[in-house]
Amino acid sequence: MTTNRLIIRAALPTFIVGALATITGYITSGSEGLIAGVFGTLLVVVFFTVGQLALDKVIRTNPALATSMALLLYLVKVGVLFVLLLIFRDTTAFDTKVFAATIVTCTIVWLVAETWAFATAKVLYVVPGSGPDIRPIDTYEPKDL
């Protein structure tokens, strides 16, 4: 599975849930809820897309670090999103409750969709033609009569 397909498979459900959160925010809080929903959705999609592209770069250059880098990127992403929630907690530009709910919901949807995309992908564990040149052994031996 290519990185672009993975991003699309994770971003599409995230945008759908983000749109629902934005509509709900608009209904409950007016224009402040609308701004919070759009900002939260875009923040999650952009942030997680950049993280996936960074992970893809590491996988292509040093596959041995893939798992460690994926865990590190996950912790950094969640940590930065938490810091952003703390930074914007007292803002009056948008509804902070809608913003927080949108970020948490979109993050969960992204992670579930990404996990599902990885689980259903058909990944080659062995690259065809990359092994040693093995020829079948000729087992026919003529017998003396």
C-alpha atoms as a PDB file:
ATOM      1  CA  MET A   1       0.000   0.000   0.000  1.00  0.00           C
ATOM      2  CA  THR A   2       1.346   3.379  -0.929  1.00  0.00           C
ATOM      3  CA  THR A   3       1.517   6.233   1.515  1.00  0.00           C
ATOM      4  CA  ASN A   4      -0.918   8.289  -0.542  1.00  0.00           C
ATOM      5  CA  ARG A   5      -3.549   5.536  -0.428  1.00  0.00           C
ATOM      6  CA  LEU A   6      -3.047   5.164   3.304  1.00  0.00           C
ATOM      7  CA  ILE A   7      -3.464   8.903   3.849  1.00  0.00           C
ATOM      8  CA  ILE A   8      -6.611   8.978   1.719  1.00  0.00           C
ATOM      9  CA  ARG A   9      -8.070   5.966   3.563  1.00  0.00           C
ATOM     10  CA  ALA A  10      -7.461   7.696   6.897  1.00  0.00           C
ATOM     11  CA  ALA A  11      -8.321  11.258   5.852  1.00  0.00           C
ATOM     12  CA  LEU A  12     -11.674  10.531   4.219  1.00  0.00           C
ATOM     13  CA  PRO A  13     -13.451   9.207   7.344  1.00  0.00           C
ATOM     14  CA  THR A  14     -11.717  11.907   9.387  1.00  0.00           C
ATOM     15  CA  PHE A  15     -13.101  14.633   7.118  1.00  0.00           C
ATOM     16  CA  ILE A  16     -16.576  13.092   7.332  1.00  0.00           C
ATOM     17  CA  VAL A  17     -16.513  12.980  11.133  1.00  0.00           C
ATOM     18  CA  GLY A  18     -14.942  16.448  11.203  1.00  0.00           C
ATOM     19  CA  ALA A  19     -17.780  17.773   9.035  1.00  0.00           C
ATOM     20  CA  LEU A  20     -20.320  16.224  11.414  1.00  0.00           C
ATOM     21  CA  ALA A  21     -18.492  17.761  14.383  1.00  0.00           C
ATOM     22  CA  THR A  22     -18.412  21.132  12.613  1.00  0.00           C
ATOM     23  CA  ILE A  23     -22.141  20.995  11.882  1.00  0.00           C
ATOM     24  CA  THR A  24     -22.831  20.007  15.488  1.00  0.00           C
ATOM     25  CA  GLY A  25     -20.586  22.831  16.696  1.00  0.00           C
ATOM     26  CA  TYR A  26     -22.401  25.314  14.483  1.00  0.00           C
ATOM     27  CA  ILE A  27     -25.786  24.165  15.776  1.00  0.00           C
ATOM     28  CA  THR A  28     -24.709  24.359  19.423  1.00  0.00           C
ATOM     29  CA  SER A  29     -22.406  27.415  19.391  1.00  0.00           C
ATOM     30  CA  GLY A  30     -23.011  29.333  16.199  1.00  0.00           C
ATOM     31  CA  SER A  31     -20.108  30.733  14.206  1.00  0.00           C
ATOM     32  CA  GLU A  32     -17.611  30.090  17.045  1.00  0.00           C
ATOM     33  CA  GLY A  33     -18.488  26.388  16.876  1.00  0.00           C
ATOM     34  CA  LEU A  34     -18.148  26.410  13.101  1.00  0.00           C
ATOM     35  CA  ILE A  35     -14.666  27.953  13.279  1.00  0.00           C
ATOM     36  CA  ALA A  36     -13.626  25.523  16.017  1.00  0.00           C
ATOM     37  CA  GLY A  37     -14.830  22.486  14.064  1.00  0.00           C
ATOM     38  CA  VAL A  38     -13.129  23.489  10.821  1.00  0.00           C
ATOM     39  CA  PHE A  39      -9.897  24.460  12.588  1.00  0.00           C
ATOM     40  CA  GLY A  40      -9.817  21.250  14.651  1.00  0.00           C
ATOM     41  CA  THR A  41     -10.515  19.022  11.646  1.00  0.00           C
ATOM     42  CA  LEU A  42      -7.889  20.675   9.453  1.00  0.00           C
ATOM     43  CA  LEU A  43      -5.357  20.612  12.270  1.00  0.00           C
ATOM     44  CA  VAL A  44      -5.731  16.861  12.791  1.00  0.00           C
ATOM     45  CA  VAL A  45      -5.692  15.979   9.079  1.00  0.00           C
ATOM     46  CA  VAL A  46      -2.676  18.162   8.274  1.00  0.00           C
ATOM     47  CA  PHE A  47      -0.789  17.110  11.388  1.00  0.00           C
ATOM     48  CA  PHE A  48      -1.305  13.392  10.903  1.00  0.00           C
ATOM     49  CA  THR A  49      -0.607  13.604   7.151  1.00  0.00           C
ATOM     50  CA  VAL A  50       2.746  15.276   7.816  1.00  0.00           C
ATOM     51  CA  GLY A  51       3.536  12.588  10.383  1.00  0.00           C
ATOM     52  CA  GLN A  52       2.707   9.815   7.923  1.00  0.00           C
ATOM     53  CA  LEU A  53       4.875  11.400   5.222  1.00  0.00           C
ATOM     54  CA  ALA A  54       7.766  11.674   7.698  1.00  0.00           C
ATOM     55  CA  LEU A  55       7.336   8.024   8.653  1.00  0.00           C
ATOM     56  CA  ASP A  56       7.314   7.036   4.982  1.00  0.00           C
ATOM     57  CA  LYS A  57      10.604   8.878   4.465  1.00  0.00           C
ATOM     58  CA  VAL A  58      12.180   7.008   7.390  1.00  0.00           C
ATOM     59  CA  ILE A  59      10.852   3.652   6.162  1.00  0.00           C
ATOM     60  CA  ARG A  60      12.351   4.222   2.727  1.00  0.00           C
ATOM     61  CA  THR A  61      15.769   5.251   4.053  1.00  0.00           C
ATOM     62  CA  ASN A  62      16.108   3.026   7.132  1.00  0.00           C
ATOM     63  CA  PRO A  63      13.449   0.298   7.480  1.00  0.00           C
ATOM     64  CA  ALA A  64      14.975  -0.984  10.723  1.00  0.00           C
ATOM     65  CA  LEU A  65      13.850   2.186  12.511  1.00  0.00           C
ATOM     66  CA  ALA A  66      10.249   1.986  11.276  1.00  0.00           C
ATOM     67  CA  THR A  67       8.613   0.726  14.467  1.00  0.00           C
ATOM     68  CA  SER A  68      10.587   3.001  16.764  1.00  0.00           C
ATOM     69  CA  MET A  69       9.897   6.006  14.566  1.00  0.00           C
ATOM     70  CA  ALA A  70       6.180   5.179  14.331  1.00  0.00           C
ATOM     71  CA  LEU A  71       5.903   5.054  18.127  1.00  0.00           C
ATOM     72  CA  LEU A  72       7.909   8.254  18.511  1.00  0.00           C
ATOM     73  CA  LEU A  73       5.796  10.064  15.922  1.00  0.00           C
ATOM     74  CA  TYR A  74       2.608   8.885  17.616  1.00  0.00           C
ATOM     75  CA  LEU A  75       3.769  10.190  20.995  1.00  0.00           C
ATOM     76  CA  VAL A  76       4.879  13.503  19.466  1.00  0.00           C
ATOM     77  CA  LYS A  77       1.571  13.922  17.609  1.00  0.00           C
ATOM     78  CA  VAL A  78      -0.569  13.243  20.661  1.00  0.00           C
ATOM     79  CA  GLY A  79       1.690  15.414  22.826  1.00  0.00           C
ATOM     80  CA  VAL A  80       1.574  18.366  20.449  1.00  0.00           C
ATOM     81  CA  LEU A  81      -2.203  18.072  20.074  1.00  0.00           C
ATOM     82  CA  PHE A  82      -2.491  18.094  23.875  1.00  0.00           C
ATOM     83  CA  VAL A  83      -0.278  21.196  24.092  1.00  0.00           C
ATOM     84  CA  LEU A  84      -2.435  22.913  21.462  1.00  0.00           C
ATOM     85  CA  LEU A  85      -5.514  22.125  23.513  1.00  0.00           C
ATOM     86  CA  LEU A  86      -3.833  23.740  26.523  1.00  0.00           C
ATOM     87  CA  ILE A  87      -2.728  26.790  24.526  1.00  0.00           C
ATOM     88  CA  PHE A  88      -6.175  27.452  23.081  1.00  0.00           C
ATOM     89  CA  ARG A  89      -8.180  26.636  26.223  1.00  0.00           C
ATOM     90  CA  ASP A  90      -8.885  30.309  27.080  1.00  0.00           C
ATOM     91  CA  THR A  91      -9.317  31.721  23.581  1.00  0.00           C
ATOM     92  CA  THR A  92     -12.407  33.676  22.624  1.00  0.00           C
ATOM     93  CA  ALA A  93     -11.930  33.295  18.855  1.00  0.00           C
ATOM     94  CA  PHE A  94     -13.817  29.988  18.813  1.00  0.00           C
ATOM     95  CA  ASP A  95     -15.629  27.552  21.089  1.00  0.00           C
ATOM     96  CA  THR A  96     -12.931  25.630  22.924  1.00  0.00           C
ATOM     97  CA  LYS A  97     -15.208  22.725  23.843  1.00  0.00           C
ATOM     98  CA  VAL A  98     -16.131  22.134  20.206  1.00  0.00           C
ATOM     99  CA  PHE A  99     -12.448  22.511  19.274  1.00  0.00           C
ATOM    100  CA  ALA A 100     -11.345  19.934  21.857  1.00  0.00           C
ATOM    101  CA  ALA A 101     -14.143  17.515  21.003  1.00  0.00           C
ATOM    102  CA  THR A 102     -13.387  17.802  17.287  1.00  0.00           C
ATOM    103  CA  ILE A 103      -9.666  17.186  17.797  1.00  0.00           C
ATOM    104  CA  VAL A 104     -10.219  14.170  20.053  1.00  0.00           C
ATOM    105  CA  THR A 105     -12.887  12.670  17.803  1.00  0.00           C
ATOM    106  CA  CYS A 106     -10.943  13.238  14.584  1.00  0.00           C
ATOM    107  CA  THR A 107      -7.764  11.836  16.153  1.00  0.00           C
ATOM    108  CA  ILE A 108      -9.556   8.651  17.210  1.00  0.00           C
ATOM    109  CA  VAL A 109     -11.161   8.273  13.774  1.00  0.00           C
ATOM    110  CA  TRP A 110      -7.826   8.842  12.014  1.00  0.00           C
ATOM    111  CA  LEU A 111      -6.059   6.230  14.164  1.00  0.00           C
ATOM    112  CA  VAL A 112      -8.821   3.654  13.725  1.00  0.00           C
ATOM    113  CA  ALA A 113      -8.963   4.232   9.958  1.00  0.00           C
ATOM    114  CA  GLU A 114      -5.181   4.072   9.667  1.00  0.00           C
ATOM    115  CA  THR A 115      -5.076   0.846  11.675  1.00  0.00           C
ATOM    116  CA  TRP A 116      -7.835  -0.636   9.527  1.00  0.00           C
ATOM    117  CA  ALA A 117      -5.986   0.386   6.343  1.00  0.00           C
ATOM    118  CA  PHE A 118      -2.782  -1.275   7.563  1.00  0.00           C
ATOM    119  CA  ALA A 119      -4.634  -4.410   8.683  1.00  0.00           C
ATOM    120  CA  THR A 120      -6.417  -4.872   5.354  1.00  0.00           C
ATOM    121  CA  ALA A 121      -3.426  -4.017   3.157  1.00  0.00           C
ATOM    122  CA  LYS A 122      -1.723  -6.780   1.262  1.00  0.00           C
ATOM    123  CA  VAL A 123       1.897  -6.145   2.085  1.00  0.00           C
ATOM    124  CA  LEU A 124       4.641  -8.172   0.425  1.00  0.00           C
ATOM    125  CA  TYR A 125       7.026  -9.452   3.059  1.00  0.00           C
ATOM    126  CA  VAL A 126       9.440 -10.745   0.445  1.00  0.00           C
ATOM    127  CA  VAL A 127      10.228  -8.745  -2.633  1.00  0.00           C
ATOM    128  CA  PRO A 128      10.002 -11.087  -5.634  1.00  0.00           C
ATOM    129  CA  GLY A 129      13.372 -11.644  -7.255  1.00  0.00           C
ATOM    130  CA  SER A 130      15.383 -10.269  -4.334  1.00  0.00           C
ATOM    131  CA  GLY A 131      16.599 -13.627  -3.009  1.00  0.00           C
ATOM    132  CA  PRO A 132      19.580 -15.711  -4.071  1.00  0.00           C
ATOM    133  CA  ASP A 133      19.589 -17.225  -7.519  1.00  0.00           C
ATOM    134  CA  ILE A 134      18.331 -20.746  -6.769  1.00  0.00           C
ATOM    135  CA  ARG A 135      17.982 -23.323  -9.506  1.00  0.00           C
ATOM    136  CA  PRO A 136      16.081 -26.562  -9.109  1.00  0.00           C
ATOM    137  CA  ILE A 137      18.269 -29.560  -8.468  1.00  0.00           C
ATOM    138  CA  ASP A 138      18.323 -32.108 -11.233  1.00  0.00           C
ATOM    139  CA  THR A 139      17.577 -35.364  -9.407  1.00  0.00           C
ATOM    140  CA  TYR A 140      17.583 -37.582 -12.474  1.00  0.00           C
ATOM    141  CA  GLU A 141      20.568 -39.852 -12.417  1.00  0.00           C
ATOM    142  CA  PRO A 142      21.033 -42.416 -15.159  1.00  0.00           C
ATOM    143  CA  LYS A 143      21.474 -45.923 -13.804  1.00  0.00           C
ATOM    144  CA  ASP A 144      23.949 -48.412 -15.164  1.00  0.00           C
ATOM    145  CA  LEU A 145      22.210 -51.438 -16.599  1.00  0.00           C
END
